[in-house]
Amino acid sequence: ARWSKQFPNFQFHPTLSQAEKEWSLCRGRV
């Protein structure tokens, strides 16, 4: 998260294959 703010060219996409209901980002496999 710090890198995302410090370096505008960096993005992070965590992906969960067994995500909880409230997980709002990528679901499934990469």
PDB file of all heavy atoms in Angstrom:
ATOM      1  N   ALA A   1       0.842  -1.209   0.000  1.00  0.00           N
ATOM      2  CA  ALA A   1       0.000   0.000   0.000  1.00  0.00           C
ATOM      3  C   ALA A   1       0.874   1.255   0.000  1.00  0.00           C
ATOM      4  O   ALA A   1       0.581   2.234  -0.695  1.00  0.00           O
ATOM      5  CB  ALA A   1      -0.921  -0.007   1.219  1.00  0.00           C
ATOM      6  N   ARG A   2       1.970   1.209   0.772  1.00  0.00           N
ATOM      7  CA  ARG A   2       2.902   2.346   0.825  1.00  0.00           C
ATOM      8  C   ARG A   2       3.556   2.559  -0.535  1.00  0.00           C
ATOM      9  O   ARG A   2       3.690   3.691  -1.002  1.00  0.00           O
ATOM     10  CB  ARG A   2       3.953   2.086   1.902  1.00  0.00           C
ATOM     11  CG  ARG A   2       4.806   3.298   2.265  1.00  0.00           C
ATOM     12  CD  ARG A   2       5.641   3.045   3.494  1.00  0.00           C
ATOM     13  NE  ARG A   2       6.672   2.042   3.287  1.00  0.00           N
ATOM     14  CZ  ARG A   2       6.671   0.834   3.864  1.00  0.00           C
ATOM     15  NH1 ARG A   2       5.696   0.476   4.679  1.00  0.00           N
ATOM     16  NH2 ARG A   2       7.640  -0.031   3.633  1.00  0.00           N
ATOM     17  N   TRP A   3       3.940   1.458  -1.189  1.00  0.00           N
ATOM     18  CA  TRP A   3       4.541   1.566  -2.511  1.00  0.00           C
ATOM     19  C   TRP A   3       3.558   2.171  -3.511  1.00  0.00           C
ATOM     20  O   TRP A   3       3.949   2.961  -4.367  1.00  0.00           O
ATOM     21  CB  TRP A   3       4.985   0.192  -3.011  1.00  0.00           C
ATOM     22  CG  TRP A   3       6.166  -0.375  -2.284  1.00  0.00           C
ATOM     23  CD1 TRP A   3       6.954   0.253  -1.362  1.00  0.00           C
ATOM     24  CD2 TRP A   3       6.689  -1.701  -2.417  1.00  0.00           C
ATOM     25  NE1 TRP A   3       7.933  -0.600  -0.903  1.00  0.00           N
ATOM     26  CE2 TRP A   3       7.793  -1.803  -1.532  1.00  0.00           C
ATOM     27  CE3 TRP A   3       6.339  -2.805  -3.167  1.00  0.00           C
ATOM     28  CZ2 TRP A   3       8.542  -2.972  -1.401  1.00  0.00           C
ATOM     29  CZ3 TRP A   3       7.077  -3.973  -3.041  1.00  0.00           C
ATOM     30  CH2 TRP A   3       8.168  -4.057  -2.168  1.00  0.00           C
ATOM     31  N   SER A   4       2.275   1.773  -3.401  1.00  0.00           N
ATOM     32  CA  SER A   4       1.258   2.299  -4.331  1.00  0.00           C
ATOM     33  C   SER A   4       1.149   3.813  -4.229  1.00  0.00           C
ATOM     34  O   SER A   4       0.891   4.497  -5.216  1.00  0.00           O
ATOM     35  CB  SER A   4      -0.100   1.666  -4.043  1.00  0.00           C
ATOM     36  OG  SER A   4      -0.060   0.287  -4.307  1.00  0.00           O
ATOM     37  N   LYS A   5       1.331   4.333  -3.017  1.00  0.00           N
ATOM     38  CA  LYS A   5       1.276   5.796  -2.823  1.00  0.00           C
ATOM     39  C   LYS A   5       2.582   6.459  -3.250  1.00  0.00           C
ATOM     40  O   LYS A   5       2.584   7.520  -3.864  1.00  0.00           O
ATOM     41  CB  LYS A   5       1.002   6.116  -1.353  1.00  0.00           C
ATOM     42  CG  LYS A   5      -0.433   5.819  -0.938  1.00  0.00           C
ATOM     43  CD  LYS A   5      -0.656   6.132   0.522  1.00  0.00           C
ATOM     44  CE  LYS A   5      -2.075   5.739   0.930  1.00  0.00           C
ATOM     45  NZ  LYS A   5      -2.237   5.720   2.383  1.00  0.00           N
ATOM     46  N   GLN A   6       3.688   5.805  -2.910  1.00  0.00           N
ATOM     47  CA  GLN A   6       5.017   6.388  -3.186  1.00  0.00           C
ATOM     48  C   GLN A   6       5.383   6.309  -4.662  1.00  0.00           C
ATOM     49  O   GLN A   6       6.042   7.199  -5.196  1.00  0.00           O
ATOM     50  CB  GLN A   6       6.058   5.644  -2.341  1.00  0.00           C
ATOM     51  CG  GLN A   6       7.434   6.284  -2.352  1.00  0.00           C
ATOM     52  CD  GLN A   6       8.405   5.514  -1.447  1.00  0.00           C
ATOM     53  OE1 GLN A   6       8.009   4.641  -0.677  1.00  0.00           O
ATOM     54  NE2 GLN A   6       9.682   5.828  -1.559  1.00  0.00           N
ATOM     55  N   PHE A   7       4.955   5.222  -5.314  1.00  0.00           N
ATOM     56  CA  PHE A   7       5.309   4.998  -6.730  1.00  0.00           C
ATOM     57  C   PHE A   7       4.021   4.887  -7.547  1.00  0.00           C
ATOM     58  O   PHE A   7       3.378   3.824  -7.537  1.00  0.00           O
ATOM     59  CB  PHE A   7       6.144   3.716  -6.879  1.00  0.00           C
ATOM     60  CG  PHE A   7       7.361   3.668  -5.998  1.00  0.00           C
ATOM     61  CD1 PHE A   7       7.399   2.853  -4.870  1.00  0.00           C
ATOM     62  CD2 PHE A   7       8.481   4.440  -6.290  1.00  0.00           C
ATOM     63  CE1 PHE A   7       8.521   2.799  -4.058  1.00  0.00           C
ATOM     64  CE2 PHE A   7       9.615   4.392  -5.483  1.00  0.00           C
ATOM     65  CZ  PHE A   7       9.631   3.585  -4.357  1.00  0.00           C
ATOM     66  N   PRO A   8       3.634   5.950  -8.248  1.00  0.00           N
ATOM     67  CA  PRO A   8       2.379   5.933  -9.004  1.00  0.00           C
ATOM     68  C   PRO A   8       2.338   4.853 -10.094  1.00  0.00           C
ATOM     69  O   PRO A   8       1.266   4.507 -10.576  1.00  0.00           O
ATOM     70  CB  PRO A   8       2.325   7.331  -9.646  1.00  0.00           C
ATOM     71  CG  PRO A   8       3.323   8.154  -8.908  1.00  0.00           C
ATOM     72  CD  PRO A   8       4.349   7.214  -8.377  1.00  0.00           C
ATOM     73  N   ASN A   9       3.509   4.320 -10.464  1.00  0.00           N
ATOM     74  CA  ASN A   9       3.567   3.295 -11.515  1.00  0.00           C
ATOM     75  C   ASN A   9       3.359   1.879 -10.981  1.00  0.00           C
ATOM     76  O   ASN A   9       3.378   0.917 -11.742  1.00  0.00           O
ATOM     77  CB  ASN A   9       4.908   3.360 -12.262  1.00  0.00           C
ATOM     78  CG  ASN A   9       6.116   3.216 -11.348  1.00  0.00           C
ATOM     79  OD1 ASN A   9       6.131   3.774 -10.249  1.00  0.00           O
ATOM     80  ND2 ASN A   9       7.134   2.502 -11.782  1.00  0.00           N
ATOM     81  N   PHE A  10       3.113   1.723  -9.644  1.00  0.00           N
ATOM     82  CA  PHE A  10       2.959   0.383  -9.060  1.00  0.00           C
ATOM     83  C   PHE A  10       1.498   0.083  -8.717  1.00  0.00           C
ATOM     84  O   PHE A  10       0.818   0.905  -8.113  1.00  0.00           O
ATOM     85  CB  PHE A  10       3.815   0.253  -7.794  1.00  0.00           C
ATOM     86  CG  PHE A  10       3.582  -1.045  -7.053  1.00  0.00           C
ATOM     87  CD1 PHE A  10       3.972  -2.259  -7.611  1.00  0.00           C
ATOM     88  CD2 PHE A  10       2.959  -1.057  -5.807  1.00  0.00           C
ATOM     89  CE1 PHE A  10       3.740  -3.457  -6.939  1.00  0.00           C
ATOM     90  CE2 PHE A  10       2.732  -2.246  -5.127  1.00  0.00           C
ATOM     91  CZ  PHE A  10       3.128  -3.449  -5.693  1.00  0.00           C
ATOM     92  N   GLN A  11       1.043  -1.115  -9.094  1.00  0.00           N
ATOM     93  CA  GLN A  11      -0.300  -1.593  -8.743  1.00  0.00           C
ATOM     94  C   GLN A  11      -0.220  -2.990  -8.167  1.00  0.00           C
ATOM     95  O   GLN A  11       0.612  -3.798  -8.601  1.00  0.00           O
ATOM     96  CB  GLN A  11      -1.194  -1.644  -9.986  1.00  0.00           C
ATOM     97  CG  GLN A  11      -1.673  -0.324 -10.510  1.00  0.00           C
ATOM     98  CD  GLN A  11      -2.663  -0.537 -11.645  1.00  0.00           C
ATOM     99  OE1 GLN A  11      -3.631  -1.281 -11.537  1.00  0.00           O
ATOM    100  NE2 GLN A  11      -2.393   0.110 -12.769  1.00  0.00           N
ATOM    101  N   PHE A  12      -1.107  -3.289  -7.217  1.00  0.00           N
ATOM    102  CA  PHE A  12      -1.126  -4.599  -6.559  1.00  0.00           C
ATOM    103  C   PHE A  12      -2.532  -5.184  -6.643  1.00  0.00           C
ATOM    104  O   PHE A  12      -3.502  -4.529  -6.279  1.00  0.00           O
ATOM    105  CB  PHE A  12      -0.692  -4.427  -5.094  1.00  0.00           C
ATOM    106  CG  PHE A  12      -0.844  -5.665  -4.249  1.00  0.00           C
ATOM    107  CD1 PHE A  12      -0.462  -6.919  -4.722  1.00  0.00           C
ATOM    108  CD2 PHE A  12      -1.356  -5.578  -2.961  1.00  0.00           C
ATOM    109  CE1 PHE A  12      -0.597  -8.053  -3.936  1.00  0.00           C
ATOM    110  CE2 PHE A  12      -1.487  -6.710  -2.160  1.00  0.00           C
ATOM    111  CZ  PHE A  12      -1.109  -7.944  -2.656  1.00  0.00           C
ATOM    112  N   HIS A  13      -2.612  -6.439  -7.141  1.00  0.00           N
ATOM    113  CA  HIS A  13      -3.901  -7.136  -7.235  1.00  0.00           C
ATOM    114  C   HIS A  13      -3.820  -8.463  -6.468  1.00  0.00           C
ATOM    115  O   HIS A  13      -3.412  -9.486  -7.040  1.00  0.00           O
ATOM    116  CB  HIS A  13      -4.268  -7.412  -8.695  1.00  0.00           C
ATOM    117  CG  HIS A  13      -4.490  -6.181  -9.506  1.00  0.00           C
ATOM    118  ND1 HIS A  13      -5.544  -5.322  -9.295  1.00  0.00           N
ATOM    119  CD2 HIS A  13      -3.781  -5.662 -10.538  1.00  0.00           C
ATOM    120  CE1 HIS A  13      -5.476  -4.323 -10.169  1.00  0.00           C
ATOM    121  NE2 HIS A  13      -4.413  -4.498 -10.918  1.00  0.00           N
ATOM    122  N   PRO A  14      -4.209  -8.468  -5.175  1.00  0.00           N
ATOM    123  CA  PRO A  14      -4.290  -9.752  -4.469  1.00  0.00           C
ATOM    124  C   PRO A  14      -5.523 -10.515  -4.950  1.00  0.00           C
ATOM    125  O   PRO A  14      -6.589  -9.925  -5.164  1.00  0.00           O
ATOM    126  CB  PRO A  14      -4.432  -9.332  -3.001  1.00  0.00           C
ATOM    127  CG  PRO A  14      -5.042  -7.974  -3.044  1.00  0.00           C
ATOM    128  CD  PRO A  14      -4.624  -7.338  -4.333  1.00  0.00           C
ATOM    129  N   THR A  15      -5.375 -11.824  -5.140  1.00  0.00           N
ATOM    130  CA  THR A  15      -6.466 -12.651  -5.659  1.00  0.00           C
ATOM    131  C   THR A  15      -6.667 -13.846  -4.734  1.00  0.00           C
ATOM    132  O   THR A  15      -5.709 -14.576  -4.464  1.00  0.00           O
ATOM    133  CB  THR A  15      -6.110 -13.152  -7.077  1.00  0.00           C
ATOM    134  OG1 THR A  15      -5.737 -12.038  -7.877  1.00  0.00           O
ATOM    135  CG2 THR A  15      -7.273 -13.854  -7.723  1.00  0.00           C
ATOM    136  N   LEU A  16      -7.889 -14.030  -4.243  1.00  0.00           N
ATOM    137  CA  LEU A  16      -8.159 -15.102  -3.285  1.00  0.00           C
ATOM    138  C   LEU A  16      -9.073 -16.162  -3.890  1.00  0.00           C
ATOM    139  O   LEU A  16     -10.137 -15.852  -4.424  1.00  0.00           O
ATOM    140  CB  LEU A  16      -8.820 -14.532  -2.021  1.00  0.00           C
ATOM    141  CG  LEU A  16      -8.024 -13.472  -1.247  1.00  0.00           C
ATOM    142  CD1 LEU A  16      -8.790 -13.045  -0.005  1.00  0.00           C
ATOM    143  CD2 LEU A  16      -6.634 -13.985  -0.866  1.00  0.00           C
ATOM    144  N   SER A  17      -8.640 -17.425  -3.792  1.00  0.00           N
ATOM    145  CA  SER A  17      -9.445 -18.517  -4.351  1.00  0.00           C
ATOM    146  C   SER A  17     -10.541 -18.959  -3.385  1.00  0.00           C
ATOM    147  O   SER A  17     -11.527 -19.566  -3.806  1.00  0.00           O
ATOM    148  CB  SER A  17      -8.552 -19.702  -4.714  1.00  0.00           C
ATOM    149  OG  SER A  17      -7.882 -20.198  -3.581  1.00  0.00           O
ATOM    150  N   GLN A  18     -10.358 -18.671  -2.084  1.00  0.00           N
ATOM    151  CA  GLN A  18     -11.400 -18.996  -1.098  1.00  0.00           C
ATOM    152  C   GLN A  18     -11.713 -17.740  -0.288  1.00  0.00           C
ATOM    153  O   GLN A  18     -11.517 -17.688   0.924  1.00  0.00           O
ATOM    154  CB  GLN A  18     -10.941 -20.153  -0.204  1.00  0.00           C
ATOM    155  CG  GLN A  18     -10.747 -21.453  -0.980  1.00  0.00           C
ATOM    156  CD  GLN A  18     -10.225 -22.584  -0.126  1.00  0.00           C
ATOM    157  OE1 GLN A  18     -10.400 -22.616   1.089  1.00  0.00           O
ATOM    158  NE2 GLN A  18      -9.553 -23.544  -0.759  1.00  0.00           N
ATOM    159  N   ALA A  19     -12.178 -16.729  -1.004  1.00  0.00           N
ATOM    160  CA  ALA A  19     -12.398 -15.411  -0.389  1.00  0.00           C
ATOM    161  C   ALA A  19     -13.657 -15.414   0.486  1.00  0.00           C
ATOM    162  O   ALA A  19     -14.642 -16.083   0.187  1.00  0.00           O
ATOM    163  CB  ALA A  19     -12.534 -14.356  -1.481  1.00  0.00           C
ATOM    164  N   GLU A  20     -13.580 -14.622   1.576  1.00  0.00           N
ATOM    165  CA  GLU A  20     -14.749 -14.421   2.416  1.00  0.00           C
ATOM    166  C   GLU A  20     -15.749 -13.537   1.666  1.00  0.00           C
ATOM    167  O   GLU A  20     -15.410 -12.874   0.688  1.00  0.00           O
ATOM    168  CB  GLU A  20     -14.340 -13.742   3.740  1.00  0.00           C
ATOM    169  CG  GLU A  20     -13.544 -14.634   4.684  1.00  0.00           C
ATOM    170  CD  GLU A  20     -12.089 -14.859   4.261  1.00  0.00           C
ATOM    171  OE1 GLU A  20     -11.638 -14.186   3.306  1.00  0.00           O
ATOM    172  OE2 GLU A  20     -11.420 -15.699   4.869  1.00  0.00           O
ATOM    173  N   LYS A  21     -17.002 -13.518   2.153  1.00  0.00           N
ATOM    174  CA  LYS A  21     -18.068 -12.782   1.474  1.00  0.00           C
ATOM    175  C   LYS A  21     -17.745 -11.310   1.286  1.00  0.00           C
ATOM    176  O   LYS A  21     -18.047 -10.701   0.266  1.00  0.00           O
ATOM    177  CB  LYS A  21     -19.373 -12.922   2.265  1.00  0.00           C
ATOM    178  CG  LYS A  21     -20.511 -13.513   1.428  1.00  0.00           C
ATOM    179  CD  LYS A  21     -21.830 -13.485   2.154  1.00  0.00           C
ATOM    180  CE  LYS A  21     -21.833 -14.498   3.301  1.00  0.00           C
ATOM    181  NZ  LYS A  21     -23.172 -14.549   3.955  1.00  0.00           N
ATOM    182  N   GLU A  22     -17.088 -10.708   2.305  1.00  0.00           N
ATOM    183  CA  GLU A  22     -16.832  -9.263   2.268  1.00  0.00           C
ATOM    184  C   GLU A  22     -15.646  -8.866   1.384  1.00  0.00           C
ATOM    185  O   GLU A  22     -15.380  -7.685   1.187  1.00  0.00           O
ATOM    186  CB  GLU A  22     -16.637  -8.711   3.685  1.00  0.00           C
ATOM    187  CG  GLU A  22     -15.489  -9.317   4.484  1.00  0.00           C
ATOM    188  CD  GLU A  22     -15.882 -10.579   5.244  1.00  0.00           C
ATOM    189  OE1 GLU A  22     -16.906 -11.202   4.909  1.00  0.00           O
ATOM    190  OE2 GLU A  22     -15.137 -10.953   6.167  1.00  0.00           O
ATOM    191  N   TRP A  23     -14.920  -9.848   0.851  1.00  0.00           N
ATOM    192  CA  TRP A  23     -13.757  -9.555   0.004  1.00  0.00           C
ATOM    193  C   TRP A  23     -14.226  -8.865  -1.276  1.00  0.00           C
ATOM    194  O   TRP A  23     -15.040  -9.402  -2.017  1.00  0.00           O
ATOM    195  CB  TRP A  23     -13.019 -10.845  -0.325  1.00  0.00           C
ATOM    196  CG  TRP A  23     -11.783 -10.661  -1.170  1.00  0.00           C
ATOM    197  CD1 TRP A  23     -11.661 -10.948  -2.498  1.00  0.00           C
ATOM    198  CD2 TRP A  23     -10.510 -10.164  -0.756  1.00  0.00           C
ATOM    199  NE1 TRP A  23     -10.383 -10.664  -2.936  1.00  0.00           N
ATOM    200  CE2 TRP A  23      -9.651 -10.181  -1.884  1.00  0.00           C
ATOM    201  CE3 TRP A  23     -10.006  -9.712   0.468  1.00  0.00           C
ATOM    202  CZ2 TRP A  23      -8.324  -9.771  -1.834  1.00  0.00           C
ATOM    203  CZ3 TRP A  23      -8.683  -9.303   0.523  1.00  0.00           C
ATOM    204  CH2 TRP A  23      -7.858  -9.323  -0.608  1.00  0.00           C
ATOM    205  N   SER A  24     -13.677  -7.679  -1.553  1.00  0.00           N
ATOM    206  CA  SER A  24     -14.182  -6.888  -2.684  1.00  0.00           C
ATOM    207  C   SER A  24     -13.239  -6.879  -3.893  1.00  0.00           C
ATOM    208  O   SER A  24     -13.562  -6.273  -4.912  1.00  0.00           O
ATOM    209  CB  SER A  24     -14.422  -5.438  -2.224  1.00  0.00           C
ATOM    210  OG  SER A  24     -13.209  -4.867  -1.758  1.00  0.00           O
ATOM    211  N   LEU A  25     -12.079  -7.534  -3.759  1.00  0.00           N
ATOM    212  CA  LEU A  25     -11.108  -7.516  -4.859  1.00  0.00           C
ATOM    213  C   LEU A  25     -11.213  -8.806  -5.681  1.00  0.00           C
ATOM    214  O   LEU A  25     -12.232  -9.479  -5.629  1.00  0.00           O
ATOM    215  CB  LEU A  25      -9.703  -7.299  -4.287  1.00  0.00           C
ATOM    216  CG  LEU A  25      -9.555  -6.013  -3.456  1.00  0.00           C
ATOM    217  CD1 LEU A  25      -8.181  -5.944  -2.801  1.00  0.00           C
ATOM    218  CD2 LEU A  25      -9.804  -4.773  -4.310  1.00  0.00           C
ATOM    219  N   CYS A  26     -10.169  -9.144  -6.424  1.00  0.00           N
ATOM    220  CA  CYS A  26     -10.225 -10.303  -7.326  1.00  0.00           C
ATOM    221  C   CYS A  26     -10.508 -11.604  -6.568  1.00  0.00           C
ATOM    222  O   CYS A  26      -9.910 -11.862  -5.519  1.00  0.00           O
ATOM    223  CB  CYS A  26      -8.899 -10.446  -8.072  1.00  0.00           C
ATOM    224  SG  CYS A  26      -8.768  -9.381  -9.518  1.00  0.00           S
ATOM    225  N   ARG A  27     -11.405 -12.409  -7.134  1.00  0.00           N
ATOM    226  CA  ARG A  27     -11.729 -13.721  -6.576  1.00  0.00           C
ATOM    227  C   ARG A  27     -11.328 -14.808  -7.552  1.00  0.00           C
ATOM    228  O   ARG A  27     -11.249 -14.571  -8.750  1.00  0.00           O
ATOM    229  CB  ARG A  27     -13.239 -13.833  -6.327  1.00  0.00           C
ATOM    230  CG  ARG A  27     -13.742 -12.982  -5.199  1.00  0.00           C
ATOM    231  CD  ARG A  27     -15.267 -12.999  -5.145  1.00  0.00           C
ATOM    232  NE  ARG A  27     -15.709 -12.309  -3.940  1.00  0.00           N
ATOM    233  CZ  ARG A  27     -15.949 -12.917  -2.785  1.00  0.00           C
ATOM    234  NH1 ARG A  27     -15.815 -14.220  -2.691  1.00  0.00           N
ATOM    235  NH2 ARG A  27     -16.326 -12.229  -1.728  1.00  0.00           N
ATOM    236  N   GLY A  28     -11.108 -16.011  -7.003  1.00  0.00           N
ATOM    237  CA  GLY A  28     -10.708 -17.132  -7.849  1.00  0.00           C
ATOM    238  C   GLY A  28      -9.200 -17.251  -7.904  1.00  0.00           C
ATOM    239  O   GLY A  28      -8.495 -16.848  -6.980  1.00  0.00           O
ATOM    240  N   ARG A  29      -8.707 -17.786  -8.987  1.00  0.00           N
ATOM    241  CA  ARG A  29      -7.267 -17.946  -9.161  1.00  0.00           C
ATOM    242  C   ARG A  29      -6.707 -16.731  -9.905  1.00  0.00           C
ATOM    243  O   ARG A  29      -7.468 -15.952 -10.475  1.00  0.00           O
ATOM    244  CB  ARG A  29      -6.971 -19.238  -9.930  1.00  0.00           C
ATOM    245  CG  ARG A  29      -7.503 -20.464  -9.205  1.00  0.00           C
ATOM    246  CD  ARG A  29      -7.088 -21.746  -9.894  1.00  0.00           C
ATOM    247  NE  ARG A  29      -7.636 -22.902  -9.199  1.00  0.00           N
ATOM    248  CZ  ARG A  29      -7.096 -23.476  -8.128  1.00  0.00           C
ATOM    249  NH1 ARG A  29      -5.971 -22.982  -7.618  1.00  0.00           N
ATOM    250  NH2 ARG A  29      -7.646 -24.519  -7.559  1.00  0.00           N
ATOM    251  N   VAL A  30      -5.386 -16.581  -9.905  1.00  0.00           N
ATOM    252  CA  VAL A  30      -4.802 -15.438 -10.621  1.00  0.00           C
ATOM    253  C   VAL A  30      -5.191 -15.464 -12.092  1.00  0.00           C
ATOM    254  O   VAL A  30      -5.317 -14.416 -12.733  1.00  0.00           O
ATOM    255  CB  VAL A  30      -3.255 -15.377 -10.489  1.00  0.00           C
ATOM    256  CG1 VAL A  30      -2.839 -14.879  -9.145  1.00  0.00           C
ATOM    257  CG2 VAL A  30      -2.612 -16.704 -10.810  1.00  0.00           C
TER     258      VAL A  30
END
